[in-house]
Amino acid sequence: EWMSGVVTGHWVDGQPYTVALDEGSVYVPNDEDKFIRRPALRFQVGDRVECNLHKGDGWVPGIVAAQWPNGTIETDTDEAFSAKGAPYAILMPKERQFIILGVDQDSCIRALSE
């Protein structure tokens, strides 16, 4: 049975991952799909979304630029930033910048209401 959890540590006590569950924590013995996997995401690349940046700006429109970006994202302004491990990279067209969205939760990202 698969359970939802949050990775809270890497290479602790010789185990690749420590995962916090609703009731306690577990070690993941191997980095294999039969032990740990990323959840399916609600939004696809190109989807128009709104993001709550929790900065008092309310919901800000964006476009999903990548799912599970692995490594560095380079922008047209010669900036680069690490996006490893985050579910989404979001292009904020108005600001002409990318943000990394660390969770796929209703309180942080939703479909754009037009």
Protein backbone atom coordinates (compact mmCIF):
# COMPACT_ATOMS: atom_id res chain seq x y z
CA GLU A 1 0.00 0.00 0.00
CA TRP A 2 1.35 3.43 -0.99
CA MET A 3 1.27 6.20 1.59
CA SER A 4 1.85 9.93 1.13
CA GLY A 5 4.86 11.39 2.84
CA VAL A 6 7.47 14.12 2.75
CA VAL A 7 11.18 13.44 2.28
CA THR A 8 12.86 14.96 5.32
CA GLY A 9 16.39 13.65 4.95
CA HIS A 10 18.91 12.24 2.49
CA TRP A 11 21.52 9.63 3.39
CA VAL A 12 20.68 9.39 7.08
CA ASP A 13 22.09 6.30 8.82
CA GLY A 14 23.11 4.86 5.45
CA GLN A 15 19.58 5.07 3.98
CA PRO A 16 18.87 7.11 0.83
CA TYR A 17 15.76 8.81 2.25
CA THR A 18 13.96 9.49 5.50
CA VAL A 19 10.25 10.09 4.92
CA ALA A 20 7.80 11.68 7.35
CA LEU A 21 4.37 10.03 7.29
CA ASP A 22 1.19 11.02 9.13
CA GLU A 23 2.23 8.64 11.88
CA GLY A 24 6.00 8.72 12.37
CA SER A 25 8.92 8.45 9.98
CA VAL A 26 10.40 5.64 7.91
CA TYR A 27 13.68 4.97 6.14
CA VAL A 28 13.54 4.10 2.45
CA PRO A 29 16.03 1.27 1.83
CA ASN A 30 16.68 1.88 -1.90
CA ASP A 31 16.12 4.62 -4.45
CA GLU A 32 13.84 2.45 -6.60
CA ASP A 33 10.26 2.95 -7.79
CA LYS A 34 9.11 -0.07 -5.80
CA PHE A 35 10.03 1.81 -2.58
CA ILE A 36 9.57 5.51 -3.34
CA ARG A 37 8.06 7.49 -6.18
CA ARG A 38 6.97 11.00 -7.00
CA PRO A 39 3.24 11.65 -6.93
CA ALA A 40 1.34 12.46 -10.10
CA LEU A 41 0.92 16.21 -10.53
CA ARG A 42 -2.33 18.00 -11.21
CA PHE A 43 -1.03 20.44 -13.84
CA GLN A 44 0.77 19.80 -17.11
CA VAL A 45 3.45 21.86 -18.86
CA GLY A 46 1.71 24.78 -20.58
CA ASP A 47 -1.26 24.90 -18.18
CA ARG A 48 -2.27 28.37 -17.07
CA VAL A 49 -2.35 28.53 -13.28
CA GLU A 50 -2.51 30.94 -10.37
CA CYS A 51 0.07 30.78 -7.58
CA ASN A 52 -0.26 32.07 -4.05
CA LEU A 53 3.19 33.42 -3.27
CA HIS A 54 2.20 34.18 0.34
CA LYS A 55 3.69 37.67 0.05
CA GLY A 56 0.47 39.64 0.34
CA ASP A 57 0.09 39.76 -3.46
CA GLY A 58 -2.76 37.27 -3.48
CA TRP A 59 -2.99 34.91 -6.43
CA VAL A 60 -0.61 35.64 -9.32
CA PRO A 61 -1.07 34.17 -12.84
CA GLY A 62 1.59 31.92 -14.34
CA ILE A 63 2.26 29.12 -16.80
CA VAL A 64 3.65 25.71 -15.85
CA ALA A 65 7.10 25.64 -17.50
CA ALA A 66 8.32 22.28 -16.15
CA GLN A 67 7.27 19.34 -13.98
CA TRP A 68 9.86 17.95 -11.59
CA PRO A 69 12.67 20.10 -13.02
CA ASN A 70 15.94 18.36 -12.41
CA GLY A 71 18.92 20.61 -12.01
CA THR A 72 19.31 24.20 -13.13
CA ILE A 73 16.87 26.34 -15.06
CA GLU A 74 18.39 29.12 -17.13
CA THR A 75 16.36 32.19 -18.02
CA ASP A 76 16.51 34.71 -20.84
CA THR A 77 17.97 37.23 -18.39
CA ASP A 78 21.13 35.11 -17.96
CA GLU A 79 20.01 34.10 -14.48
CA ALA A 80 20.08 30.47 -13.40
CA PHE A 81 18.70 28.77 -10.33
CA SER A 82 18.40 25.30 -8.89
CA ALA A 83 15.02 23.63 -9.17
CA LYS A 84 15.88 20.10 -8.12
CA GLY A 85 13.18 18.28 -6.20
CA ALA A 86 10.36 20.80 -6.68
CA PRO A 87 7.15 19.74 -8.43
CA TYR A 88 6.85 22.79 -10.67
CA ALA A 89 8.78 25.60 -12.34
CA ILE A 90 6.30 28.38 -13.10
CA LEU A 91 6.82 31.19 -15.60
CA MET A 92 5.37 34.44 -14.31
CA PRO A 93 4.80 36.31 -17.62
CA LYS A 94 4.02 39.69 -16.08
CA GLU A 95 7.24 39.69 -14.04
CA ARG A 96 9.20 37.85 -16.78
CA GLN A 97 10.69 35.49 -14.22
CA PHE A 98 10.46 31.90 -13.06
CA ILE A 99 9.49 30.73 -9.62
CA ILE A 100 9.91 27.29 -8.13
CA LEU A 101 6.81 25.92 -6.48
CA GLY A 102 7.75 23.44 -3.80
CA VAL A 103 4.36 21.77 -3.32
CA ASP A 104 1.31 20.80 -5.35
CA GLN A 105 -1.38 21.93 -2.92
CA ASP A 106 -4.61 23.88 -3.36
CA SER A 107 -3.32 26.59 -1.04
CA CYS A 108 -0.35 27.27 -3.38
CA ILE A 109 -1.45 26.51 -6.95
CA ARG A 110 -4.78 26.31 -8.74
CA ALA A 111 -6.16 26.44 -12.29
CA LEU A 112 -6.38 29.99 -13.65
CA SER A 113 -9.91 31.32 -13.29
CA GLU A 114 -10.51 33.41 -16.40
